[in-house]
Amino acid sequence: MNSRNIESDQEDGFTWTTDFNLSTLKNRITKLNAPVRTSPYNREVGLDFYQFYLVTYAGVDPANGEALWYSDTAQTKTTNVWAQGVRVNQGSALPKFLAA
């Protein structure tokens, strides 16, 4: 979309135009022999191709200042060992829309 807001016939030649572009991208995996879970992505039917599959950060342990990670999918238990954290879908790397 673009518009010409002001076009002056005066000597100063002042003009004001506006340009705006809005786009979306939706992609879903529709067919796959088996889920493919590799860091950092989870690829399975119904998800988009860039679905993040990561260990979830749970904050900081107030006792020692170390990072905490959730160690169960219900996000009720934590660990300070990243490798013991459980991976879950964290959203897509693709934006819902792009405006320029």
PDB file of N, CA and C in Angstrom:
ATOM      1  N   MET A   1       0.843  -1.141   0.000  1.00  0.00           N
ATOM      2  CA  MET A   1       0.000   0.000   0.000  1.00  0.00           C
ATOM      3  C   MET A   1       0.907   1.227   0.000  1.00  0.00           C
ATOM      4  N   ASN A   2       0.581   2.166  -0.797  1.00  0.00           N
ATOM      5  CA  ASN A   2       1.273   3.444  -0.708  1.00  0.00           C
ATOM      6  C   ASN A   2       0.272   4.562  -0.977  1.00  0.00           C
ATOM      7  N   SER A   3       0.599   5.721  -0.424  1.00  0.00           N
ATOM      8  CA  SER A   3      -0.308   6.858  -0.587  1.00  0.00           C
ATOM      9  C   SER A   3       0.508   8.120  -0.794  1.00  0.00           C
ATOM     10  N   ARG A   4      -0.103   9.048  -1.454  1.00  0.00           N
ATOM     11  CA  ARG A   4       0.474  10.382  -1.624  1.00  0.00           C
ATOM     12  C   ARG A   4      -0.330  11.311  -0.726  1.00  0.00           C
ATOM     13  N   ASN A   5       0.232  11.626   0.403  1.00  0.00           N
ATOM     14  CA  ASN A   5      -0.482  12.402   1.411  1.00  0.00           C
ATOM     15  C   ASN A   5      -0.520  13.892   1.070  1.00  0.00           C
ATOM     16  N   ILE A   6       0.618  14.425   0.645  1.00  0.00           N
ATOM     17  CA  ILE A   6       0.689  15.847   0.283  1.00  0.00           C
ATOM     18  C   ILE A   6       1.536  15.975  -0.977  1.00  0.00           C
ATOM     19  N   GLU A   7       0.994  16.672  -1.962  1.00  0.00           N
ATOM     20  CA  GLU A   7       1.754  17.034  -3.160  1.00  0.00           C
ATOM     21  C   GLU A   7       1.576  18.530  -3.355  1.00  0.00           C
ATOM     22  N   SER A   8       2.666  19.226  -3.229  1.00  0.00           N
ATOM     23  CA  SER A   8       2.598  20.684  -3.287  1.00  0.00           C
ATOM     24  C   SER A   8       2.871  21.185  -4.701  1.00  0.00           C
ATOM     25  N   ASP A   9       2.069  22.152  -5.117  1.00  0.00           N
ATOM     26  CA  ASP A   9       2.314  22.829  -6.387  1.00  0.00           C
ATOM     27  C   ASP A   9       3.145  24.091  -6.153  1.00  0.00           C
ATOM     28  N   GLN A  10       3.512  24.328  -4.923  1.00  0.00           N
ATOM     29  CA  GLN A  10       4.288  25.507  -4.555  1.00  0.00           C
ATOM     30  C   GLN A  10       5.729  25.354  -5.027  1.00  0.00           C
ATOM     31  N   GLU A  11       6.506  26.420  -4.886  1.00  0.00           N
ATOM     32  CA  GLU A  11       7.914  26.399  -5.286  1.00  0.00           C
ATOM     33  C   GLU A  11       8.751  25.442  -4.458  1.00  0.00           C
ATOM     34  N   ASP A  12       8.387  25.302  -3.186  1.00  0.00           N
ATOM     35  CA  ASP A  12       9.208  24.438  -2.322  1.00  0.00           C
ATOM     36  C   ASP A  12       9.113  22.968  -2.735  1.00  0.00           C
ATOM     37  N   GLY A  13       8.073  22.589  -3.436  1.00  0.00           N
ATOM     38  CA  GLY A  13       7.941  21.234  -3.946  1.00  0.00           C
ATOM     39  C   GLY A  13       7.798  20.170  -2.866  1.00  0.00           C
ATOM     40  N   PHE A  14       7.240  20.540  -1.722  1.00  0.00           N
ATOM     41  CA  PHE A  14       7.090  19.598  -0.610  1.00  0.00           C
ATOM     42  C   PHE A  14       6.114  18.487  -0.981  1.00  0.00           C
ATOM     43  N   THR A  15       6.551  17.267  -0.776  1.00  0.00           N
ATOM     44  CA  THR A  15       5.666  16.121  -0.955  1.00  0.00           C
ATOM     45  C   THR A  15       5.831  15.184   0.226  1.00  0.00           C
ATOM     46  N   TRP A  16       4.764  14.454   0.485  1.00  0.00           N
ATOM     47  CA  TRP A  16       4.802  13.461   1.562  1.00  0.00           C
ATOM     48  C   TRP A  16       4.094  12.219   1.047  1.00  0.00           C
ATOM     49  N   THR A  17       4.858  11.125   0.979  1.00  0.00           N
ATOM     50  CA  THR A  17       4.281   9.860   0.555  1.00  0.00           C
ATOM     51  C   THR A  17       4.503   8.826   1.665  1.00  0.00           C
ATOM     52  N   THR A  18       3.645   7.833   1.690  1.00  0.00           N
ATOM     53  CA  THR A  18       3.742   6.752   2.664  1.00  0.00           C
ATOM     54  C   THR A  18       3.710   5.435   1.910  1.00  0.00           C
ATOM     55  N   ASP A  19       4.652   4.558   2.251  1.00  0.00           N
ATOM     56  CA  ASP A  19       4.688   3.210   1.679  1.00  0.00           C
ATOM     57  C   ASP A  19       4.617   2.206   2.818  1.00  0.00           C
ATOM     58  N   PHE A  20       3.810   1.188   2.666  1.00  0.00           N
ATOM     59  CA  PHE A  20       3.635   0.189   3.707  1.00  0.00           C
ATOM     60  C   PHE A  20       3.440  -1.175   3.056  1.00  0.00           C
ATOM     61  N   ASN A  21       4.128  -2.162   3.589  1.00  0.00           N
ATOM     62  CA  ASN A  21       4.024  -3.521   3.076  1.00  0.00           C
ATOM     63  C   ASN A  21       3.800  -4.457   4.251  1.00  0.00           C
ATOM     64  N   LEU A  22       2.830  -5.327   4.154  1.00  0.00           N
ATOM     65  CA  LEU A  22       2.527  -6.303   5.194  1.00  0.00           C
ATOM     66  C   LEU A  22       2.426  -7.666   4.535  1.00  0.00           C
ATOM     67  N   SER A  23       3.166  -8.640   5.083  1.00  0.00           N
ATOM     68  CA  SER A  23       3.107  -9.979   4.503  1.00  0.00           C
ATOM     69  C   SER A  23       3.095 -11.020   5.622  1.00  0.00           C
ATOM     70  N   THR A  24       2.572 -12.188   5.295  1.00  0.00           N
ATOM     71  CA  THR A  24       2.554 -13.314   6.228  1.00  0.00           C
ATOM     72  C   THR A  24       3.076 -14.541   5.519  1.00  0.00           C
ATOM     73  N   LEU A  25       3.532 -15.481   6.306  1.00  0.00           N
ATOM     74  CA  LEU A  25       4.002 -16.752   5.763  1.00  0.00           C
ATOM     75  C   LEU A  25       3.523 -17.840   6.698  1.00  0.00           C
ATOM     76  N   LYS A  26       2.737 -18.742   6.188  1.00  0.00           N
ATOM     77  CA  LYS A  26       2.291 -19.885   6.981  1.00  0.00           C
ATOM     78  C   LYS A  26       2.784 -21.139   6.280  1.00  0.00           C
ATOM     79  N   ASN A  27       3.487 -21.966   7.045  1.00  0.00           N
ATOM     80  CA  ASN A  27       3.883 -23.238   6.473  1.00  0.00           C
ATOM     81  C   ASN A  27       3.653 -24.318   7.508  1.00  0.00           C
ATOM     82  N   ARG A  28       3.207 -25.447   7.073  1.00  0.00           N
ATOM     83  CA  ARG A  28       2.962 -26.596   7.937  1.00  0.00           C
ATOM     84  C   ARG A  28       3.496 -27.833   7.234  1.00  0.00           C
ATOM     85  N   ILE A  29       4.111 -28.693   8.010  1.00  0.00           N
ATOM     86  CA  ILE A  29       4.551 -29.977   7.472  1.00  0.00           C
ATOM     87  C   ILE A  29       3.308 -30.846   7.344  1.00  0.00           C
ATOM     88  N   THR A  30       3.037 -31.336   6.137  1.00  0.00           N
ATOM     89  CA  THR A  30       1.824 -32.121   5.893  1.00  0.00           C
ATOM     90  C   THR A  30       2.095 -33.612   5.775  1.00  0.00           C
ATOM     91  N   LYS A  31       3.347 -33.957   5.492  1.00  0.00           N
ATOM     92  CA  LYS A  31       3.649 -35.380   5.339  1.00  0.00           C
ATOM     93  C   LYS A  31       5.105 -35.607   5.729  1.00  0.00           C
ATOM     94  N   LEU A  32       5.324 -36.623   6.562  1.00  0.00           N
ATOM     95  CA  LEU A  32       6.663 -36.945   7.031  1.00  0.00           C
ATOM     96  C   LEU A  32       6.637 -38.380   7.526  1.00  0.00           C
ATOM     97  N   ASN A  33       7.645 -39.169   7.187  1.00  0.00           N
ATOM     98  CA  ASN A  33       7.673 -40.567   7.615  1.00  0.00           C
ATOM     99  C   ASN A  33       7.760 -40.705   9.130  1.00  0.00           C
ATOM    100  N   ALA A  34       8.554 -39.867   9.767  1.00  0.00           N
ATOM    101  CA  ALA A  34       8.718 -39.905  11.222  1.00  0.00           C
ATOM    102  C   ALA A  34       9.157 -38.518  11.679  1.00  0.00           C
ATOM    103  N   PRO A  35       8.841 -38.162  12.920  1.00  0.00           N
ATOM    104  CA  PRO A  35       9.303 -36.870  13.422  1.00  0.00           C
ATOM    105  C   PRO A  35      10.833 -36.770  13.387  1.00  0.00           C
ATOM    106  N   VAL A  36      11.321 -35.595  13.122  1.00  0.00           N
ATOM    107  CA  VAL A  36      12.767 -35.337  13.100  1.00  0.00           C
ATOM    108  C   VAL A  36      13.039 -34.291  14.170  1.00  0.00           C
ATOM    109  N   ARG A  37      13.681 -34.715  15.245  1.00  0.00           N
ATOM    110  CA  ARG A  37      13.988 -33.792  16.352  1.00  0.00           C
ATOM    111  C   ARG A  37      15.488 -33.629  16.446  1.00  0.00           C
ATOM    112  N   THR A  38      15.941 -32.470  16.008  1.00  0.00           N
ATOM    113  CA  THR A  38      17.358 -32.139  16.085  1.00  0.00           C
ATOM    114  C   THR A  38      17.472 -30.749  16.688  1.00  0.00           C
ATOM    115  N   SER A  39      18.548 -30.508  17.365  1.00  0.00           N
ATOM    116  CA  SER A  39      18.745 -29.192  17.957  1.00  0.00           C
ATOM    117  C   SER A  39      18.967 -28.179  16.853  1.00  0.00           C
ATOM    118  N   PRO A  40      18.242 -27.122  16.838  1.00  0.00           N
ATOM    119  CA  PRO A  40      17.225 -26.657  17.772  1.00  0.00           C
ATOM    120  C   PRO A  40      15.797 -26.838  17.272  1.00  0.00           C
ATOM    121  N   TYR A  41      15.556 -27.720  16.291  1.00  0.00           N
ATOM    122  CA  TYR A  41      14.232 -27.790  15.668  1.00  0.00           C
ATOM    123  C   TYR A  41      13.530 -29.120  15.910  1.00  0.00           C
ATOM    124  N   ASN A  42      12.186 -29.065  15.898  1.00  0.00           N
ATOM    125  CA  ASN A  42      11.334 -30.247  15.955  1.00  0.00           C
ATOM    126  C   ASN A  42      10.488 -30.222  14.691  1.00  0.00           C
ATOM    127  N   ARG A  43      10.654 -31.233  13.878  1.00  0.00           N
ATOM    128  CA  ARG A  43       9.901 -31.285  12.624  1.00  0.00           C
ATOM    129  C   ARG A  43       8.989 -32.495  12.652  1.00  0.00           C
ATOM    130  N   GLU A  44       7.677 -32.203  12.713  1.00  0.00           N
ATOM    131  CA  GLU A  44       6.677 -33.260  12.686  1.00  0.00           C
ATOM    132  C   GLU A  44       5.421 -32.721  12.018  1.00  0.00           C
ATOM    133  N   VAL A  45       4.568 -33.625  11.574  1.00  0.00           N
ATOM    134  CA  VAL A  45       3.353 -33.245  10.851  1.00  0.00           C
ATOM    135  C   VAL A  45       2.517 -32.305  11.725  1.00  0.00           C
ATOM    136  N   GLY A  46       2.054 -31.218  11.110  1.00  0.00           N
ATOM    137  CA  GLY A  46       1.223 -30.245  11.788  1.00  0.00           C
ATOM    138  C   GLY A  46       1.987 -29.039  12.299  1.00  0.00           C
ATOM    139  N   LEU A  47       3.293 -29.166  12.465  1.00  0.00           N
ATOM    140  CA  LEU A  47       4.108 -28.048  12.921  1.00  0.00           C
ATOM    141  C   LEU A  47       4.729 -27.349  11.720  1.00  0.00           C
ATOM    142  N   ASP A  48       5.201 -26.120  11.934  1.00  0.00           N
ATOM    143  CA  ASP A  48       5.909 -25.487  10.833  1.00  0.00           C
ATOM    144  C   ASP A  48       7.357 -25.983  10.798  1.00  0.00           C
ATOM    145  N   PHE A  49       8.029 -25.727   9.707  1.00  0.00           N
ATOM    146  CA  PHE A  49       9.363 -26.282   9.469  1.00  0.00           C
ATOM    147  C   PHE A  49      10.396 -25.741  10.449  1.00  0.00           C
ATOM    148  N   TYR A  50      10.159 -24.573  11.008  1.00  0.00           N
ATOM    149  CA  TYR A  50      11.128 -23.938  11.904  1.00  0.00           C
ATOM    150  C   TYR A  50      10.628 -23.879  13.344  1.00  0.00           C
ATOM    151  N   GLN A  51      10.010 -24.943  13.816  1.00  0.00           N
ATOM    152  CA  GLN A  51       9.526 -25.043  15.191  1.00  0.00           C
ATOM    153  C   GLN A  51      10.706 -25.278  16.121  1.00  0.00           C
ATOM    154  N   PHE A  52      10.942 -24.331  17.054  1.00  0.00           N
ATOM    155  CA  PHE A  52      12.037 -24.495  18.012  1.00  0.00           C
ATOM    156  C   PHE A  52      11.725 -25.623  18.993  1.00  0.00           C
ATOM    157  N   TYR A  53      12.730 -26.420  19.312  1.00  0.00           N
ATOM    158  CA  TYR A  53      12.624 -27.544  20.249  1.00  0.00           C
ATOM    159  C   TYR A  53      13.785 -27.397  21.221  1.00  0.00           C
ATOM    160  N   LEU A  54      13.537 -26.734  22.350  1.00  0.00           N
ATOM    161  CA  LEU A  54      14.615 -26.321  23.234  1.00  0.00           C
ATOM    162  C   LEU A  54      14.329 -26.667  24.691  1.00  0.00           C
ATOM    163  N   VAL A  55      15.395 -26.693  25.478  1.00  0.00           N
ATOM    164  CA  VAL A  55      15.268 -26.799  26.922  1.00  0.00           C
ATOM    165  C   VAL A  55      14.760 -25.452  27.421  1.00  0.00           C
ATOM    166  N   THR A  56      13.790 -25.484  28.328  1.00  0.00           N
ATOM    167  CA  THR A  56      13.163 -24.251  28.795  1.00  0.00           C
ATOM    168  C   THR A  56      13.876 -23.695  30.016  1.00  0.00           C
ATOM    169  N   TYR A  57      14.248 -22.432  29.928  1.00  0.00           N
ATOM    170  CA  TYR A  57      14.889 -21.715  31.017  1.00  0.00           C
ATOM    171  C   TYR A  57      13.859 -21.458  32.111  1.00  0.00           C
ATOM    172  N   ALA A  58      14.214 -21.738  33.362  1.00  0.00           N
ATOM    173  CA  ALA A  58      13.285 -21.600  34.480  1.00  0.00           C
ATOM    174  C   ALA A  58      13.667 -20.481  35.442  1.00  0.00           C
ATOM    175  N   GLY A  59      14.685 -19.713  35.119  1.00  0.00           N
ATOM    176  CA  GLY A  59      15.094 -18.621  35.994  1.00  0.00           C
ATOM    177  C   GLY A  59      16.409 -18.919  36.681  1.00  0.00           C
ATOM    178  N   VAL A  60      16.615 -18.261  37.812  1.00  0.00           N
ATOM    179  CA  VAL A  60      17.870 -18.375  38.541  1.00  0.00           C
ATOM    180  C   VAL A  60      17.602 -18.949  39.931  1.00  0.00           C
ATOM    181  N   ASP A  61      18.460 -19.854  40.371  1.00  0.00           N
ATOM    182  CA  ASP A  61      18.380 -20.405  41.720  1.00  0.00           C
ATOM    183  C   ASP A  61      18.790 -19.297  42.698  1.00  0.00           C
ATOM    184  N   PRO A  62      17.879 -18.850  43.562  1.00  0.00           N
ATOM    185  CA  PRO A  62      18.222 -17.751  44.468  1.00  0.00           C
ATOM    186  C   PRO A  62      19.304 -18.114  45.486  1.00  0.00           C
ATOM    187  N   ALA A  63      19.497 -19.413  45.718  1.00  0.00           N
ATOM    188  CA  ALA A  63      20.482 -19.830  46.707  1.00  0.00           C
ATOM    189  C   ALA A  63      21.914 -19.673  46.216  1.00  0.00           C
ATOM    190  N   ASN A  64      22.131 -19.918  44.900  1.00  0.00           N
ATOM    191  CA  ASN A  64      23.514 -19.886  44.407  1.00  0.00           C
ATOM    192  C   ASN A  64      23.692 -19.073  43.116  1.00  0.00           C
ATOM    193  N   GLY A  65      22.618 -18.552  42.530  1.00  0.00           N
ATOM    194  CA  GLY A  65      22.729 -17.728  41.331  1.00  0.00           C
ATOM    195  C   GLY A  65      22.896 -18.505  40.034  1.00  0.00           C
ATOM    196  N   GLU A  66      22.811 -19.831  40.085  1.00  0.00           N
ATOM    197  CA  GLU A  66      22.957 -20.644  38.869  1.00  0.00           C
ATOM    198  C   GLU A  66      21.660 -20.666  38.075  1.00  0.00           C
ATOM    199  N   ALA A  67      21.790 -20.851  36.771  1.00  0.00           N
ATOM    200  CA  ALA A  67      20.622 -20.959  35.892  1.00  0.00           C
ATOM    201  C   ALA A  67      19.873 -22.252  36.196  1.00  0.00           C
ATOM    202  N   LEU A  68      18.550 -22.176  36.092  1.00  0.00           N
ATOM    203  CA  LEU A  68      17.705 -23.358  36.278  1.00  0.00           C
ATOM    204  C   LEU A  68      17.000 -23.678  34.971  1.00  0.00           C
ATOM    205  N   TRP A  69      16.775 -24.970  34.744  1.00  0.00           N
ATOM    206  CA  TRP A  69      16.109 -25.467  33.544  1.00  0.00           C
ATOM    207  C   TRP A  69      15.001 -26.410  33.985  1.00  0.00           C
ATOM    208  N   TYR A  70      13.873 -26.409  33.270  1.00  0.00           N
ATOM    209  CA  TYR A  70      12.793 -27.336  33.614  1.00  0.00           C
ATOM    210  C   TYR A  70      13.196 -28.743  33.221  1.00  0.00           C
ATOM    211  N   SER A  71      12.926 -29.700  34.130  1.00  0.00           N
ATOM    212  CA  SER A  71      13.316 -31.092  33.875  1.00  0.00           C
ATOM    213  C   SER A  71      12.113 -31.987  33.616  1.00  0.00           C
ATOM    214  N   ASP A  72      10.909 -31.407  33.494  1.00  0.00           N
ATOM    215  CA  ASP A  72       9.719 -32.170  33.129  1.00  0.00           C
ATOM    216  C   ASP A  72       8.839 -31.314  32.219  1.00  0.00           C
ATOM    217  N   THR A  73       7.991 -31.971  31.445  1.00  0.00           N
ATOM    218  CA  THR A  73       7.166 -31.231  30.473  1.00  0.00           C
ATOM    219  C   THR A  73       6.082 -30.400  31.154  1.00  0.00           C
ATOM    220  N   ALA A  74       5.702 -30.730  32.379  1.00  0.00           N
ATOM    221  CA  ALA A  74       4.708 -29.946  33.105  1.00  0.00           C
ATOM    222  C   ALA A  74       5.320 -28.670  33.681  1.00  0.00           C
ATOM    223  N   GLN A  75       6.615 -28.542  33.606  1.00  0.00           N
ATOM    224  CA  GLN A  75       7.370 -27.390  34.094  1.00  0.00           C
ATOM    225  C   GLN A  75       7.136 -27.147  35.580  1.00  0.00           C
ATOM    226  N   THR A  76       7.248 -28.242  36.347  1.00  0.00           N
ATOM    227  CA  THR A  76       7.113 -28.150  37.799  1.00  0.00           C
ATOM    228  C   THR A  76       8.414 -28.494  38.514  1.00  0.00           C
ATOM    229  N   LYS A  77       9.314 -29.202  37.847  1.00  0.00           N
ATOM    230  CA  LYS A  77      10.594 -29.587  38.441  1.00  0.00           C
ATOM    231  C   LYS A  77      11.723 -28.896  37.696  1.00  0.00           C
ATOM    232  N   THR A  78      12.775 -28.543  38.425  1.00  0.00           N
ATOM    233  CA  THR A  78      13.904 -27.863  37.804  1.00  0.00           C
ATOM    234  C   THR A  78      15.216 -28.561  38.118  1.00  0.00           C
ATOM    235  N   THR A  79      16.221 -28.244  37.304  1.00  0.00           N
ATOM    236  CA  THR A  79      17.574 -28.726  37.497  1.00  0.00           C
ATOM    237  C   THR A  79      18.539 -27.604  37.127  1.00  0.00           C
ATOM    238  N   ASN A  80      19.724 -27.639  37.696  1.00  0.00           N
ATOM    239  CA  ASN A  80      20.725 -26.649  37.303  1.00  0.00           C
ATOM    240  C   ASN A  80      21.705 -27.231  36.289  1.00  0.00           C
ATOM    241  N   VAL A  81      21.411 -28.440  35.809  1.00  0.00           N
ATOM    242  CA  VAL A  81      22.230 -29.085  34.784  1.00  0.00           C
ATOM    243  C   VAL A  81      21.450 -29.012  33.466  1.00  0.00           C
ATOM    244  N   TRP A  82      21.952 -28.212  32.526  1.00  0.00           N
ATOM    245  CA  TRP A  82      21.237 -27.998  31.262  1.00  0.00           C
ATOM    246  C   TRP A  82      20.928 -29.318  30.547  1.00  0.00           C
ATOM    247  N   ALA A  83      21.857 -30.249  30.532  1.00  0.00           N
ATOM    248  CA  ALA A  83      21.675 -31.526  29.826  1.00  0.00           C
ATOM    249  C   ALA A  83      20.554 -32.370  30.428  1.00  0.00           C
ATOM    250  N   GLN A  84      20.152 -32.112  31.648  1.00  0.00           N
ATOM    251  CA  GLN A  84      19.057 -32.850  32.278  1.00  0.00           C
ATOM    252  C   GLN A  84      17.704 -32.184  32.032  1.00  0.00           C
ATOM    253  N   GLY A  85      17.717 -31.018  31.426  1.00  0.00           N
ATOM    254  CA  GLY A  85      16.473 -30.326  31.094  1.00  0.00           C
ATOM    255  C   GLY A  85      15.760 -31.038  29.960  1.00  0.00           C
ATOM    256  N   VAL A  86      14.442 -30.950  29.966  1.00  0.00           N
ATOM    257  CA  VAL A  86      13.646 -31.599  28.926  1.00  0.00           C
ATOM    258  C   VAL A  86      13.351 -30.584  27.818  1.00  0.00           C
ATOM    259  N   ARG A  87      13.435 -31.049  26.588  1.00  0.00           N
ATOM    260  CA  ARG A  87      13.141 -30.192  25.435  1.00  0.00           C
ATOM    261  C   ARG A  87      11.645 -30.196  25.158  1.00  0.00           C
ATOM    262  N   VAL A  88      11.122 -29.009  24.832  1.00  0.00           N
ATOM    263  CA  VAL A  88       9.721 -28.858  24.452  1.00  0.00           C
ATOM    264  C   VAL A  88       9.635 -27.860  23.306  1.00  0.00           C
ATOM    265  N   ASN A  89       8.512 -27.868  22.595  1.00  0.00           N
ATOM    266  CA  ASN A  89       8.303 -26.903  21.519  1.00  0.00           C
ATOM    267  C   ASN A  89       8.226 -25.504  22.113  1.00  0.00           C
ATOM    268  N   GLN A  90       8.979 -24.578  21.526  1.00  0.00           N
ATOM    269  CA  GLN A  90       9.075 -23.226  22.066  1.00  0.00           C
ATOM    270  C   GLN A  90       8.513 -22.157  21.122  1.00  0.00           C
ATOM    271  N   GLY A  91       7.904 -22.540  20.032  1.00  0.00           N
ATOM    272  CA  GLY A  91       7.412 -21.556  19.078  1.00  0.00           C
ATOM    273  C   GLY A  91       8.237 -21.593  17.800  1.00  0.00           C
ATOM    274  N   SER A  92       7.841 -20.792  16.863  1.00  0.00           N
ATOM    275  CA  SER A  92       8.454 -20.808  15.540  1.00  0.00           C
ATOM    276  C   SER A  92       9.509 -19.720  15.381  1.00  0.00           C
ATOM    277  N   ALA A  93      10.495 -20.002  14.554  1.00  0.00           N
ATOM    278  CA  ALA A  93      11.500 -19.001  14.190  1.00  0.00           C
ATOM    279  C   ALA A  93      10.937 -18.013  13.184  1.00  0.00           C
ATOM    280  N   LEU A  94       9.823 -18.344  12.560  1.00  0.00           N
ATOM    281  CA  LEU A  94       9.216 -17.456  11.558  1.00  0.00           C
ATOM    282  C   LEU A  94       8.290 -16.468  12.239  1.00  0.00           C
ATOM    283  N   PRO A  95       8.320 -15.205  11.836  1.00  0.00           N
ATOM    284  CA  PRO A  95       7.411 -14.228  12.424  1.00  0.00           C
ATOM    285  C   PRO A  95       5.975 -14.469  11.946  1.00  0.00           C
ATOM    286  N   LYS A  96       4.998 -14.041  12.733  1.00  0.00           N
ATOM    287  CA  LYS A  96       3.599 -14.177  12.341  1.00  0.00           C
ATOM    288  C   LYS A  96       3.280 -13.251  11.176  1.00  0.00           C
ATOM    289  N   PHE A  97       3.929 -12.090  11.143  1.00  0.00           N
ATOM    290  CA  PHE A  97       3.786 -11.182  10.009  1.00  0.00           C
ATOM    291  C   PHE A  97       5.024 -10.302   9.932  1.00  0.00           C
ATOM    292  N   LEU A  98       5.230  -9.694   8.800  1.00  0.00           N
ATOM    293  CA  LEU A  98       6.356  -8.817   8.574  1.00  0.00           C
ATOM    294  C   LEU A  98       5.811  -7.516   7.998  1.00  0.00           C
ATOM    295  N   ALA A  99       6.168  -6.421   8.630  1.00  0.00           N
ATOM    296  CA  ALA A  99       5.747  -5.106   8.155  1.00  0.00           C
ATOM    297  C   ALA A  99       6.981  -4.318   7.775  1.00  0.00           C
ATOM    298  N   ALA A 100       6.933  -3.679   6.650  1.00  0.00           N
ATOM    299  CA  ALA A 100       8.075  -2.870   6.213  1.00  0.00           C
ATOM    300  C   ALA A 100       7.571  -1.572   5.624  1.00  0.00           C
TER     301      ALA A 100
END
